[in-house]
PDB file of N, CA and C in Angstrom:
ATOM      1  N   MET A   1       0.597  -1.711   0.001  1.00  0.00           N
ATOM      2  CA  MET A   1      -0.055   0.065  -0.294  1.00  0.00           C
ATOM      3  C   MET A   1       1.131   1.257  -0.376  1.00  0.00           C
ATOM      4  N   LYS A   2       0.486   2.226  -0.607  1.00  0.00           N
ATOM      5  CA  LYS A   2       1.302   3.626  -0.609  1.00  0.00           C
ATOM      6  C   LYS A   2       1.178   4.204  -0.026  1.00  0.00           C
ATOM      7  N   ALA A   3       1.999   5.251   0.928  1.00  0.00           N
ATOM      8  CA  ALA A   3       1.593   5.853   2.043  1.00  0.00           C
ATOM      9  C   ALA A   3       1.306   7.573   1.375  1.00  0.00           C
ATOM     10  N   GLN A   4       0.832   8.032   2.246  1.00  0.00           N
ATOM     11  CA  GLN A   4       0.149   9.268   1.674  1.00  0.00           C
ATOM     12  C   GLN A   4       1.220   9.819   1.618  1.00  0.00           C
ATOM     13  N   ALA A   5       1.247  11.047   1.134  1.00  0.00           N
ATOM     14  CA  ALA A   5       2.025  12.299   1.736  1.00  0.00           C
ATOM     15  C   ALA A   5       1.861  13.396   2.778  1.00  0.00           C
ATOM     16  N   LEU A   6       2.763  13.793   3.210  1.00  0.00           N
ATOM     17  CA  LEU A   6       2.357  15.240   4.295  1.00  0.00           C
ATOM     18  C   LEU A   6       1.706  16.219   3.578  1.00  0.00           C
ATOM     19  N   ARG A   7       0.498  16.372   4.153  1.00  0.00           N
ATOM     20  CA  ARG A   7       0.261  18.219   3.547  1.00  0.00           C
ATOM     21  C   ARG A   7       0.003  18.535   4.791  1.00  0.00           C
ATOM     22  N   LEU A   8       0.233  20.353   4.082  1.00  0.00           N
ATOM     23  CA  LEU A   8       1.024  20.780   5.741  1.00  0.00           C
ATOM     24  C   LEU A   8       0.356  22.230   5.084  1.00  0.00           C
ATOM     25  N   ASP A   9      -0.114  22.844   5.186  1.00  0.00           N
ATOM     26  CA  ASP A   9      -0.944  24.720   5.491  1.00  0.00           C
ATOM     27  C   ASP A   9      -0.386  24.978   6.201  1.00  0.00           C
ATOM     28  N   THR A  10       0.239  26.440   5.862  1.00  0.00           N
ATOM     29  CA  THR A  10       0.447  27.077   7.095  1.00  0.00           C
ATOM     30  C   THR A  10      -0.096  28.665   6.572  1.00  0.00           C
ATOM     31  N   ILE A  11      -1.110  29.542   7.583  1.00  0.00           N
ATOM     32  CA  ILE A  11      -1.624  30.541   7.475  1.00  0.00           C
ATOM     33  C   ILE A  11      -1.052  31.665   9.075  1.00  0.00           C
ATOM     34  N   THR A  12      -0.767  33.078   8.271  1.00  0.00           N
ATOM     35  CA  THR A  12       0.058  33.584   8.932  1.00  0.00           C
ATOM     36  C   THR A  12      -1.039  35.136   9.079  1.00  0.00           C
ATOM     37  N   ASN A  13      -1.288  35.516   9.902  1.00  0.00           N
ATOM     38  CA  ASN A  13      -2.260  37.265  10.637  1.00  0.00           C
ATOM     39  C   ASN A  13      -1.330  37.713  11.397  1.00  0.00           C
ATOM     40  N   ASN A  14      -0.916  38.864  11.280  1.00  0.00           N
ATOM     41  CA  ASN A  14       0.063  39.830  12.024  1.00  0.00           C
ATOM     42  C   ASN A  14       1.396  38.694  12.481  1.00  0.00           C
ATOM     43  N   ASP A  15       1.719  38.148  13.919  1.00  0.00           N
ATOM     44  CA  ASP A  15       2.376  37.934  14.787  1.00  0.00           C
ATOM     45  C   ASP A  15       1.496  36.553  15.300  1.00  0.00           C
ATOM     46  N   LEU A  16       0.337  35.892  14.915  1.00  0.00           N
ATOM     47  CA  LEU A  16      -0.128  34.829  14.678  1.00  0.00           C
ATOM     48  C   LEU A  16       0.181  33.632  13.421  1.00  0.00           C
ATOM     49  N   ILE A  17       0.834  32.798  13.539  1.00  0.00           N
ATOM     50  CA  ILE A  17       0.669  31.751  12.607  1.00  0.00           C
ATOM     51  C   ILE A  17      -0.447  30.589  13.185  1.00  0.00           C
ATOM     52  N   TRP A  18      -0.530  30.002  11.947  1.00  0.00           N
ATOM     53  CA  TRP A  18      -1.457  28.894  12.399  1.00  0.00           C
ATOM     54  C   TRP A  18      -0.491  27.524  10.744  1.00  0.00           C
ATOM     55  N   ILE A  19      -0.288  25.950  11.468  1.00  0.00           N
ATOM     56  CA  ILE A  19       0.364  25.318  11.428  1.00  0.00           C
ATOM     57  C   ILE A  19      -1.158  23.979  10.700  1.00  0.00           C
ATOM     58  N   ASN A  20      -1.315  24.486  10.294  1.00  0.00           N
ATOM     59  CA  ASN A  20      -2.289  22.983   9.650  1.00  0.00           C
ATOM     60  C   ASN A  20      -1.704  21.219   8.850  1.00  0.00           C
ATOM     61  N   ILE A  21      -1.220  20.886  10.244  1.00  0.00           N
ATOM     62  CA  ILE A  21      -0.153  19.234   9.472  1.00  0.00           C
ATOM     63  C   ILE A  21      -1.397  17.591   9.720  1.00  0.00           C
ATOM     64  N   GLU A  22      -1.140  17.654   7.861  1.00  0.00           N
ATOM     65  CA  GLU A  22      -2.063  16.110   7.999  1.00  0.00           C
ATOM     66  C   GLU A  22      -0.987  15.513   7.744  1.00  0.00           C
ATOM     67  N   LYS A  23      -1.351  13.839   7.976  1.00  0.00           N
ATOM     68  CA  LYS A  23      -0.899  12.450   7.549  1.00  0.00           C
ATOM     69  C   LYS A  23       0.150  12.383   8.306  1.00  0.00           C
ATOM     70  N   PRO A  24       1.007  13.117   9.114  1.00  0.00           N
ATOM     71  CA  PRO A  24       2.439  12.944   9.384  1.00  0.00           C
ATOM     72  C   PRO A  24       2.841  11.579   9.540  1.00  0.00           C
ATOM     73  N   THR A  25       4.057  11.444   9.914  1.00  0.00           N
ATOM     74  CA  THR A  25       4.857  10.365  10.117  1.00  0.00           C
ATOM     75  C   THR A  25       5.425  11.398  11.480  1.00  0.00           C
ATOM     76  N   ARG A  26       6.257  10.212  12.117  1.00  0.00           N
ATOM     77  CA  ARG A  26       7.290  11.039  13.391  1.00  0.00           C
ATOM     78  C   ARG A  26       7.945  11.369  12.967  1.00  0.00           C
ATOM     79  N   GLU A  27       9.034  11.030  11.833  1.00  0.00           N
ATOM     80  CA  GLU A  27      10.446  11.883  11.279  1.00  0.00           C
ATOM     81  C   GLU A  27       9.633  13.574  10.737  1.00  0.00           C
ATOM     82  N   THR A  28       8.864  12.718   9.702  1.00  0.00           N
ATOM     83  CA  THR A  28       8.248  14.509   9.127  1.00  0.00           C
ATOM     84  C   THR A  28       7.853  15.289  10.130  1.00  0.00           C
ATOM     85  N   LEU A  29       7.245  14.786  11.206  1.00  0.00           N
ATOM     86  CA  LEU A  29       6.598  15.666  12.220  1.00  0.00           C
ATOM     87  C   LEU A  29       7.177  16.176  12.660  1.00  0.00           C
ATOM     88  N   GLU A  30       8.730  15.339  13.472  1.00  0.00           N
ATOM     89  CA  GLU A  30       9.607  16.055  13.907  1.00  0.00           C
ATOM     90  C   GLU A  30      10.254  17.239  13.000  1.00  0.00           C
ATOM     91  N   GLU A  31      10.508  16.490  12.186  1.00  0.00           N
ATOM     92  CA  GLU A  31      11.434  18.081  11.069  1.00  0.00           C
ATOM     93  C   GLU A  31      10.957  18.856  10.666  1.00  0.00           C
ATOM     94  N   GLU A  32       9.286  18.687  10.566  1.00  0.00           N
ATOM     95  CA  GLU A  32       9.057  19.748  10.461  1.00  0.00           C
ATOM     96  C   GLU A  32       8.461  21.006  11.106  1.00  0.00           C
ATOM     97  N   LEU A  33       8.667  20.736  12.431  1.00  0.00           N
ATOM     98  CA  LEU A  33       8.393  20.972  13.771  1.00  0.00           C
ATOM     99  C   LEU A  33       9.929  21.613  14.096  1.00  0.00           C
ATOM    100  N   ALA A  34      11.141  20.775  14.030  1.00  0.00           N
ATOM    101  CA  ALA A  34      12.062  21.776  14.053  1.00  0.00           C
ATOM    102  C   ALA A  34      12.536  22.722  12.917  1.00  0.00           C
ATOM    103  N   SER A  35      12.278  22.659  11.948  1.00  0.00           N
ATOM    104  CA  SER A  35      13.043  23.539  11.211  1.00  0.00           C
ATOM    105  C   SER A  35      12.374  24.978  11.800  1.00  0.00           C
ATOM    106  N   ARG A  36      11.231  24.594  12.485  1.00  0.00           N
ATOM    107  CA  ARG A  36      10.364  26.589  11.928  1.00  0.00           C
ATOM    108  C   ARG A  36      10.726  26.593  14.353  1.00  0.00           C
ATOM    109  N   GLY A  37      11.435  25.920  14.374  1.00  0.00           N
ATOM    110  CA  GLY A  37      11.310  26.491  16.058  1.00  0.00           C
ATOM    111  C   GLY A  37      11.096  25.644  16.395  1.00  0.00           C
ATOM    112  N   TYR A  38       9.936  24.891  16.677  1.00  0.00           N
ATOM    113  CA  TYR A  38       9.200  24.181  17.556  1.00  0.00           C
ATOM    114  C   TYR A  38       9.726  22.559  18.454  1.00  0.00           C
ATOM    115  N   HIS A  39       9.763  23.266  19.161  1.00  0.00           N
ATOM    116  CA  HIS A  39      10.235  21.625  20.170  1.00  0.00           C
ATOM    117  C   HIS A  39       9.452  21.032  21.307  1.00  0.00           C
ATOM    118  N   PHE A  40       8.530  20.513  20.683  1.00  0.00           N
ATOM    119  CA  PHE A  40       7.675  19.896  22.160  1.00  0.00           C
ATOM    120  C   PHE A  40       8.240  18.549  22.619  1.00  0.00           C
ATOM    121  N   HIS A  41       7.453  18.187  23.862  1.00  0.00           N
ATOM    122  CA  HIS A  41       7.579  16.984  24.582  1.00  0.00           C
ATOM    123  C   HIS A  41       7.882  15.491  23.690  1.00  0.00           C
ATOM    124  N   GLU A  42       8.169  14.846  23.809  1.00  0.00           N
ATOM    125  CA  GLU A  42       8.193  13.582  22.937  1.00  0.00           C
ATOM    126  C   GLU A  42       7.162  12.778  22.829  1.00  0.00           C
ATOM    127  N   LEU A  43       6.443  13.000  24.037  1.00  0.00           N
ATOM    128  CA  LEU A  43       5.104  11.764  24.778  1.00  0.00           C
ATOM    129  C   LEU A  43       4.068  12.048  23.694  1.00  0.00           C
ATOM    130  N   ASN A  44       3.868  14.180  23.692  1.00  0.00           N
ATOM    131  CA  ASN A  44       3.515  15.140  23.022  1.00  0.00           C
ATOM    132  C   ASN A  44       3.017  14.753  21.331  1.00  0.00           C
ATOM    133  N   ILE A  45       3.624  14.347  20.901  1.00  0.00           N
ATOM    134  CA  ILE A  45       4.544  14.652  19.911  1.00  0.00           C
ATOM    135  C   ILE A  45       4.101  13.006  18.990  1.00  0.00           C
ATOM    136  N   ALA A  46       4.005  11.380  20.498  1.00  0.00           N
ATOM    137  CA  ALA A  46       3.877  10.225  19.845  1.00  0.00           C
ATOM    138  C   ALA A  46       2.357  10.536  20.122  1.00  0.00           C
ATOM    139  N   ASP A  47       1.312  11.010  20.882  1.00  0.00           N
ATOM    140  CA  ASP A  47      -0.171  11.237  21.069  1.00  0.00           C
ATOM    141  C   ASP A  47      -0.288  11.336  20.120  1.00  0.00           C
ATOM    142  N   CYS A  48      -0.096  12.565  18.860  1.00  0.00           N
ATOM    143  CA  CYS A  48      -0.150  13.061  17.860  1.00  0.00           C
ATOM    144  C   CYS A  48      -0.816  11.451  16.874  1.00  0.00           C
ATOM    145  N   LEU A  49       0.854  10.900  17.684  1.00  0.00           N
ATOM    146  CA  LEU A  49       0.776   9.853  16.143  1.00  0.00           C
ATOM    147  C   LEU A  49      -0.471   9.180  16.750  1.00  0.00           C
ATOM    148  N   SER A  50      -0.873   8.411  17.316  1.00  0.00           N
ATOM    149  CA  SER A  50      -1.399   7.504  17.652  1.00  0.00           C
ATOM    150  C   SER A  50      -2.712   7.949  17.270  1.00  0.00           C
ATOM    151  N   LYS A  51      -3.827   6.489  17.406  1.00  0.00           N
ATOM    152  CA  LYS A  51      -5.081   6.651  16.885  1.00  0.00           C
ATOM    153  C   LYS A  51      -5.952   6.693  18.093  1.00  0.00           C
ATOM    154  N   HIS A  52      -5.910   5.752  19.165  1.00  0.00           N
ATOM    155  CA  HIS A  52      -6.411   5.598  20.147  1.00  0.00           C
ATOM    156  C   HIS A  52      -5.665   6.467  21.062  1.00  0.00           C
ATOM    157  N   GLN A  53      -5.582   7.899  21.475  1.00  0.00           N
ATOM    158  CA  GLN A  53      -5.038   8.662  22.661  1.00  0.00           C
ATOM    159  C   GLN A  53      -6.533   8.801  23.270  1.00  0.00           C
ATOM    160  N   ILE A  54      -6.703   8.783  24.343  1.00  0.00           N
ATOM    161  CA  ILE A  54      -8.172   9.885  25.306  1.00  0.00           C
ATOM    162  C   ILE A  54      -8.016  11.170  24.814  1.00  0.00           C
ATOM    163  N   PRO A  55      -8.859  11.824  25.189  1.00  0.00           N
ATOM    164  CA  PRO A  55      -8.931  13.539  25.423  1.00  0.00           C
ATOM    165  C   PRO A  55      -7.722  13.533  26.752  1.00  0.00           C
ATOM    166  N   LYS A  56      -7.222  14.922  26.292  1.00  0.00           N
ATOM    167  CA  LYS A  56      -6.270  16.072  27.590  1.00  0.00           C
ATOM    168  C   LYS A  56      -6.176  16.883  27.039  1.00  0.00           C
ATOM    169  N   ILE A  57      -5.418  17.239  27.948  1.00  0.00           N
ATOM    170  CA  ILE A  57      -4.539  19.044  28.306  1.00  0.00           C
ATOM    171  C   ILE A  57      -4.033  18.822  28.852  1.00  0.00           C
ATOM    172  N   ASP A  58      -2.340  18.870  28.150  1.00  0.00           N
ATOM    173  CA  ASP A  58      -1.213  18.837  29.022  1.00  0.00           C
ATOM    174  C   ASP A  58      -0.576  20.080  28.753  1.00  0.00           C
ATOM    175  N   LYS A  59      -0.709  21.250  30.137  1.00  0.00           N
ATOM    176  CA  LYS A  59       0.559  22.881  30.066  1.00  0.00           C
ATOM    177  C   LYS A  59       1.618  22.437  29.873  1.00  0.00           C
ATOM    178  N   TYR A  60       3.044  22.794  29.451  1.00  0.00           N
ATOM    179  CA  TYR A  60       4.143  23.495  30.110  1.00  0.00           C
ATOM    180  C   TYR A  60       3.982  24.884  29.841  1.00  0.00           C
ATOM    181  N   SER A  61       5.141  25.284  30.307  1.00  0.00           N
ATOM    182  CA  SER A  61       6.057  26.991  30.188  1.00  0.00           C
ATOM    183  C   SER A  61       5.831  27.663  29.071  1.00  0.00           C
ATOM    184  N   ASP A  62       5.631  27.546  28.202  1.00  0.00           N
ATOM    185  CA  ASP A  62       6.077  27.559  26.970  1.00  0.00           C
ATOM    186  C   ASP A  62       4.335  27.399  25.656  1.00  0.00           C
ATOM    187  N   TYR A  63       3.879  26.539  26.424  1.00  0.00           N
ATOM    188  CA  TYR A  63       2.709  26.067  25.034  1.00  0.00           C
ATOM    189  C   TYR A  63       1.788  25.215  26.020  1.00  0.00           C
ATOM    190  N   ILE A  64       0.572  24.754  25.429  1.00  0.00           N
ATOM    191  CA  ILE A  64      -0.586  23.805  26.083  1.00  0.00           C
ATOM    192  C   ILE A  64      -0.694  22.714  24.869  1.00  0.00           C
ATOM    193  N   PHE A  65      -0.842  21.632  24.841  1.00  0.00           N
ATOM    194  CA  PHE A  65      -1.158  20.651  24.252  1.00  0.00           C
ATOM    195  C   PHE A  65      -2.371  20.326  24.194  1.00  0.00           C
ATOM    196  N   ILE A  66      -3.232  20.005  23.527  1.00  0.00           N
ATOM    197  CA  ILE A  66      -4.426  19.387  23.848  1.00  0.00           C
ATOM    198  C   ILE A  66      -5.419  18.105  22.525  1.00  0.00           C
ATOM    199  N   LEU A  67      -5.723  17.698  23.290  1.00  0.00           N
ATOM    200  CA  LEU A  67      -5.825  16.442  21.675  1.00  0.00           C
ATOM    201  C   LEU A  67      -7.708  15.947  22.381  1.00  0.00           C
ATOM    202  N   PHE A  68      -8.021  15.740  21.404  1.00  0.00           N
ATOM    203  CA  PHE A  68      -9.467  15.891  21.244  1.00  0.00           C
ATOM    204  C   PHE A  68      -9.783  14.432  20.406  1.00  0.00           C
ATOM    205  N   ARG A  69     -11.172  14.043  20.556  1.00  0.00           N
ATOM    206  CA  ARG A  69     -11.420  12.401  20.245  1.00  0.00           C
ATOM    207  C   ARG A  69     -12.980  13.081  19.861  1.00  0.00           C
ATOM    208  N   PHE A  70     -13.257  13.141  18.089  1.00  0.00           N
ATOM    209  CA  PHE A  70     -14.680  13.266  17.749  1.00  0.00           C
ATOM    210  C   PHE A  70     -15.207  12.305  16.881  1.00  0.00           C
ATOM    211  N   PRO A  71     -16.444  11.596  17.348  1.00  0.00           N
ATOM    212  CA  PRO A  71     -17.238  10.909  17.175  1.00  0.00           C
ATOM    213  C   PRO A  71     -17.213  10.617  15.211  1.00  0.00           C
ATOM    214  N   SER A  72     -17.191  10.008  14.159  1.00  0.00           N
ATOM    215  CA  SER A  72     -17.204  10.392  12.921  1.00  0.00           C
ATOM    216  C   SER A  72     -17.566   8.786  12.110  1.00  0.00           C
ATOM    217  N   SER A  73     -17.315   9.310  11.281  1.00  0.00           N
ATOM    218  CA  SER A  73     -17.565   7.512  10.350  1.00  0.00           C
ATOM    219  C   SER A  73     -17.260   7.900   9.352  1.00  0.00           C
ATOM    220  N   PRO A  74     -16.728   6.931   8.742  1.00  0.00           N
ATOM    221  CA  PRO A  74     -16.237   7.049   7.821  1.00  0.00           C
ATOM    222  C   PRO A  74     -16.920   6.386   6.557  1.00  0.00           C
ATOM    223  N   VAL A  75     -18.025   6.080   7.155  1.00  0.00           N
ATOM    224  CA  VAL A  75     -19.500   5.702   5.485  1.00  0.00           C
ATOM    225  C   VAL A  75     -19.337   7.663   5.190  1.00  0.00           C
ATOM    226  N   LEU A  76     -19.647   8.294   5.663  1.00  0.00           N
ATOM    227  CA  LEU A  76     -20.215   9.622   5.505  1.00  0.00           C
ATOM    228  C   LEU A  76     -18.908  10.443   4.944  1.00  0.00           C
ATOM    229  N   ALA A  77     -17.563   9.533   5.126  1.00  0.00           N
ATOM    230  CA  ALA A  77     -16.569  10.846   4.257  1.00  0.00           C
ATOM    231  C   ALA A  77     -16.342  10.642   3.067  1.00  0.00           C
ATOM    232  N   GLY A  78     -15.566  11.311   2.108  1.00  0.00           N
ATOM    233  CA  GLY A  78     -15.220  11.041   0.596  1.00  0.00           C
ATOM    234  C   GLY A  78     -16.278  12.669  -0.012  1.00  0.00           C
ATOM    235  N   SER A  79     -16.247  12.076  -1.274  1.00  0.00           N
ATOM    236  CA  SER A  79     -16.333  13.100  -2.425  1.00  0.00           C
ATOM    237  C   SER A  79     -18.094  13.007  -2.451  1.00  0.00           C
ATOM    238  N   ASN A  80     -18.366  13.902  -2.561  1.00  0.00           N
ATOM    239  CA  ASN A  80     -20.315  13.872  -3.169  1.00  0.00           C
ATOM    240  C   ASN A  80     -20.031  13.331  -4.748  1.00  0.00           C
ATOM    241  N   ASN A  81     -19.004  12.640  -5.360  1.00  0.00           N
ATOM    242  CA  ASN A  81     -19.891  12.097  -6.887  1.00  0.00           C
ATOM    243  C   ASN A  81     -20.662  10.671  -6.600  1.00  0.00           C
ATOM    244  N   THR A  82     -21.024  10.439  -7.521  1.00  0.00           N
ATOM    245  CA  THR A  82     -22.191   9.505  -7.534  1.00  0.00           C
ATOM    246  C   THR A  82     -21.991   8.148  -6.811  1.00  0.00           C
ATOM    247  N   THR A  83     -20.561   7.835  -7.703  1.00  0.00           N
ATOM    248  CA  THR A  83     -20.454   6.097  -6.710  1.00  0.00           C
ATOM    249  C   THR A  83     -19.610   6.373  -4.786  1.00  0.00           C
ATOM    250  N   ASP A  84     -19.526   7.344  -4.975  1.00  0.00           N
ATOM    251  CA  ASP A  84     -19.101   7.284  -3.886  1.00  0.00           C
ATOM    252  C   ASP A  84     -20.267   7.512  -2.867  1.00  0.00           C
ATOM    253  N   VAL A  85     -21.226   7.882  -3.566  1.00  0.00           N
ATOM    254  CA  VAL A  85     -22.280   8.363  -2.489  1.00  0.00           C
ATOM    255  C   VAL A  85     -23.494   6.866  -2.471  1.00  0.00           C
ATOM    256  N   THR A  86     -23.138   6.441  -3.579  1.00  0.00           N
ATOM    257  CA  THR A  86     -24.337   4.479  -3.490  1.00  0.00           C
ATOM    258  C   THR A  86     -23.637   3.766  -2.469  1.00  0.00           C
ATOM    259  N   LYS A  87     -21.589   3.998  -2.589  1.00  0.00           N
ATOM    260  CA  LYS A  87     -20.724   3.365  -1.329  1.00  0.00           C
ATOM    261  C   LYS A  87     -21.265   3.493  -0.453  1.00  0.00           C
ATOM    262  N   ARG A  88     -21.199   4.833  -0.472  1.00  0.00           N
ATOM    263  CA  ARG A  88     -21.904   5.290   1.247  1.00  0.00           C
ATOM    264  C   ARG A  88     -23.213   5.072   1.780  1.00  0.00           C
ATOM    265  N   LYS A  89     -23.859   4.405   0.831  1.00  0.00           N
ATOM    266  CA  LYS A  89     -25.454   4.255   1.032  1.00  0.00           C
ATOM    267  C   LYS A  89     -25.422   2.378   1.294  1.00  0.00           C
ATOM    268  N   LYS A  90     -24.845   2.243   0.972  1.00  0.00           N
ATOM    269  CA  LYS A  90     -24.709   0.601   1.007  1.00  0.00           C
ATOM    270  C   LYS A  90     -23.989   0.504   2.318  1.00  0.00           C
ATOM    271  N   ALA A  91     -22.760   0.835   2.383  1.00  0.00           N
ATOM    272  CA  ALA A  91     -22.051   1.017   3.543  1.00  0.00           C
ATOM    273  C   ALA A  91     -22.913   1.124   4.420  1.00  0.00           C
ATOM    274  N   ARG A  92     -23.565   2.514   4.827  1.00  0.00           N
ATOM    275  CA  ARG A  92     -24.025   2.757   5.933  1.00  0.00           C
ATOM    276  C   ARG A  92     -25.904   1.662   5.806  1.00  0.00           C
ATOM    277  N   LYS A  93     -25.592   0.793   5.624  1.00  0.00           N
ATOM    278  CA  LYS A  93     -26.579  -0.542   6.342  1.00  0.00           C
ATOM    279  C   LYS A  93     -25.947  -1.334   6.752  1.00  0.00           C
ATOM    280  N   TYR A  94     -25.391  -1.815   6.467  1.00  0.00           N
ATOM    281  CA  TYR A  94     -23.807  -2.961   6.944  1.00  0.00           C
ATOM    282  C   TYR A  94     -23.563  -2.388   8.076  1.00  0.00           C
ATOM    283  N   SER A  95     -22.859  -1.393   8.500  1.00  0.00           N
ATOM    284  CA  SER A  95     -22.123  -0.602   9.185  1.00  0.00           C
ATOM    285  C   SER A  95     -22.767   0.199  10.221  1.00  0.00           C
ATOM    286  N   SER A  96     -22.461  -0.235  11.613  1.00  0.00           N
ATOM    287  CA  SER A  96     -23.587   0.217  12.943  1.00  0.00           C
ATOM    288  C   SER A  96     -21.857   1.020  13.721  1.00  0.00           C
ATOM    289  N   THR A  97     -21.234   0.279  13.355  1.00  0.00           N
ATOM    290  CA  THR A  97     -19.819   0.609  14.346  1.00  0.00           C
ATOM    291  C   THR A  97     -19.360   2.446  14.432  1.00  0.00           C
ATOM    292  N   LEU A  98     -19.215   2.342  15.860  1.00  0.00           N
ATOM    293  CA  LEU A  98     -18.835   4.588  15.891  1.00  0.00           C
ATOM    294  C   LEU A  98     -17.107   4.491  15.675  1.00  0.00           C
ATOM    295  N   HIS A  99     -16.619   5.784  15.066  1.00  0.00           N
ATOM    296  CA  HIS A  99     -15.433   5.536  14.411  1.00  0.00           C
ATOM    297  C   HIS A  99     -15.242   6.679  15.003  1.00  0.00           C
ATOM    298  N   PHE A 100     -13.524   7.190  15.770  1.00  0.00           N
ATOM    299  CA  PHE A 100     -13.612   8.141  16.122  1.00  0.00           C
ATOM    300  C   PHE A 100     -12.810   9.215  15.535  1.00  0.00           C
ATOM    301  N   SER A 101     -12.326  10.353  15.439  1.00  0.00           N
ATOM    302  CA  SER A 101     -11.528  11.068  14.538  1.00  0.00           C
ATOM    303  C   SER A 101     -10.609  11.670  15.542  1.00  0.00           C
ATOM    304  N   GLN A 102      -9.133  11.925  16.002  1.00  0.00           N
ATOM    305  CA  GLN A 102      -8.767  12.529  16.998  1.00  0.00           C
ATOM    306  C   GLN A 102      -7.418  13.882  16.255  1.00  0.00           C
ATOM    307  N   LEU A 103      -7.994  14.579  16.765  1.00  0.00           N
ATOM    308  CA  LEU A 103      -7.347  16.135  16.523  1.00  0.00           C
ATOM    309  C   LEU A 103      -6.557  16.846  17.496  1.00  0.00           C
ATOM    310  N   SER A 104      -4.873  17.253  17.464  1.00  0.00           N
ATOM    311  CA  SER A 104      -4.371  17.333  18.421  1.00  0.00           C
ATOM    312  C   SER A 104      -3.400  18.857  17.818  1.00  0.00           C
ATOM    313  N   ILE A 105      -3.670  19.415  19.215  1.00  0.00           N
ATOM    314  CA  ILE A 105      -3.806  20.895  18.659  1.00  0.00           C
ATOM    315  C   ILE A 105      -2.061  21.670  20.126  1.00  0.00           C
ATOM    316  N   PHE A 106      -1.480  22.192  19.508  1.00  0.00           N
ATOM    317  CA  PHE A 106      -0.040  22.538  20.352  1.00  0.00           C
ATOM    318  C   PHE A 106      -0.635  24.250  19.877  1.00  0.00           C
ATOM    319  N   THR A 107      -0.446  24.698  21.477  1.00  0.00           N
ATOM    320  CA  THR A 107      -0.821  26.317  20.692  1.00  0.00           C
ATOM    321  C   THR A 107       0.255  26.475  22.044  1.00  0.00           C
ATOM    322  N   GLY A 108       0.425  28.273  21.971  1.00  0.00           N
ATOM    323  CA  GLY A 108       1.284  29.141  22.358  1.00  0.00           C
ATOM    324  C   GLY A 108       0.778  30.148  22.597  1.00  0.00           C
ATOM    325  N   HIS A 109       2.395  31.012  22.616  1.00  0.00           N
ATOM    326  CA  HIS A 109       1.521  33.055  22.603  1.00  0.00           C
ATOM    327  C   HIS A 109       1.484  33.079  21.442  1.00  0.00           C
ATOM    328  N   ASN A 110       2.263  32.885  19.777  1.00  0.00           N
ATOM    329  CA  ASN A 110       1.624  33.481  18.619  1.00  0.00           C
ATOM    330  C   ASN A 110       1.746  32.285  17.679  1.00  0.00           C
ATOM    331  N   PHE A 111       0.873  31.083  18.292  1.00  0.00           N
ATOM    332  CA  PHE A 111       0.795  30.320  17.455  1.00  0.00           C
ATOM    333  C   PHE A 111       0.622  28.522  17.762  1.00  0.00           C
ATOM    334  N   LEU A 112      -0.352  28.385  16.693  1.00  0.00           N
ATOM    335  CA  LEU A 112      -0.847  26.991  17.126  1.00  0.00           C
ATOM    336  C   LEU A 112      -1.191  26.034  15.961  1.00  0.00           C
ATOM    337  N   ILE A 113      -0.842  24.845  15.994  1.00  0.00           N
ATOM    338  CA  ILE A 113      -0.283  24.084  15.210  1.00  0.00           C
ATOM    339  C   ILE A 113      -1.313  22.902  15.657  1.00  0.00           C
ATOM    340  N   SER A 114      -1.986  22.421  14.475  1.00  0.00           N
ATOM    341  CA  SER A 114      -2.751  21.491  14.140  1.00  0.00           C
ATOM    342  C   SER A 114      -2.713  19.896  13.440  1.00  0.00           C
ATOM    343  N   VAL A 115      -2.309  19.122  14.330  1.00  0.00           N
ATOM    344  CA  VAL A 115      -2.182  17.450  13.297  1.00  0.00           C
ATOM    345  C   VAL A 115      -3.554  16.931  13.781  1.00  0.00           C
ATOM    346  N   TYR A 116      -3.460  15.932  11.967  1.00  0.00           N
ATOM    347  CA  TYR A 116      -4.202  15.038  12.369  1.00  0.00           C
ATOM    348  C   TYR A 116      -4.172  14.042  10.914  1.00  0.00           C
ATOM    349  N   GLN A 117      -4.307  12.715  11.349  1.00  0.00           N
ATOM    350  CA  GLN A 117      -4.738  11.599  10.309  1.00  0.00           C
ATOM    351  C   GLN A 117      -5.003  11.776   9.152  1.00  0.00           C
ATOM    352  N   GLY A 118      -5.511  12.629   9.310  1.00  0.00           N
ATOM    353  CA  GLY A 118      -6.964  12.698   8.197  1.00  0.00           C
ATOM    354  C   GLY A 118      -7.959  11.963   7.627  1.00  0.00           C
ATOM    355  N   ASP A 119      -8.787  11.626   8.539  1.00  0.00           N
ATOM    356  CA  ASP A 119      -9.415  10.886   9.008  1.00  0.00           C
ATOM    357  C   ASP A 119     -10.760  11.828   9.104  1.00  0.00           C
ATOM    358  N   PHE A 120     -10.771  13.016   9.266  1.00  0.00           N
ATOM    359  CA  PHE A 120     -11.744  14.169   9.592  1.00  0.00           C
ATOM    360  C   PHE A 120     -12.779  13.543   8.313  1.00  0.00           C
TER     361      PHE A 120
END
């Protein structure tokens, strides 16, 4: 199976920067953050990459780490073309499993960094 590429978006407004990182690996996440001058606790990095963490808030002297979990359904995800709609309707008939998506946030004085695995 081919690994999907890291997706990174950045928005800047005055002194505030928002970096949105989708589908990182440990290496790409650490490299990207370090290259921008961000050095976070290694357990927070690991939490970003895990798909089964409990929601939490960790407060440090220079940043806050927040991990959210949201109920979602892969049946409803995807594009809106006819083939996908048909597949989603069929899958909805047979799937009653609740799925969760995870969003990790690092926030500090002038930055917000969001990290997720692309399953929103």
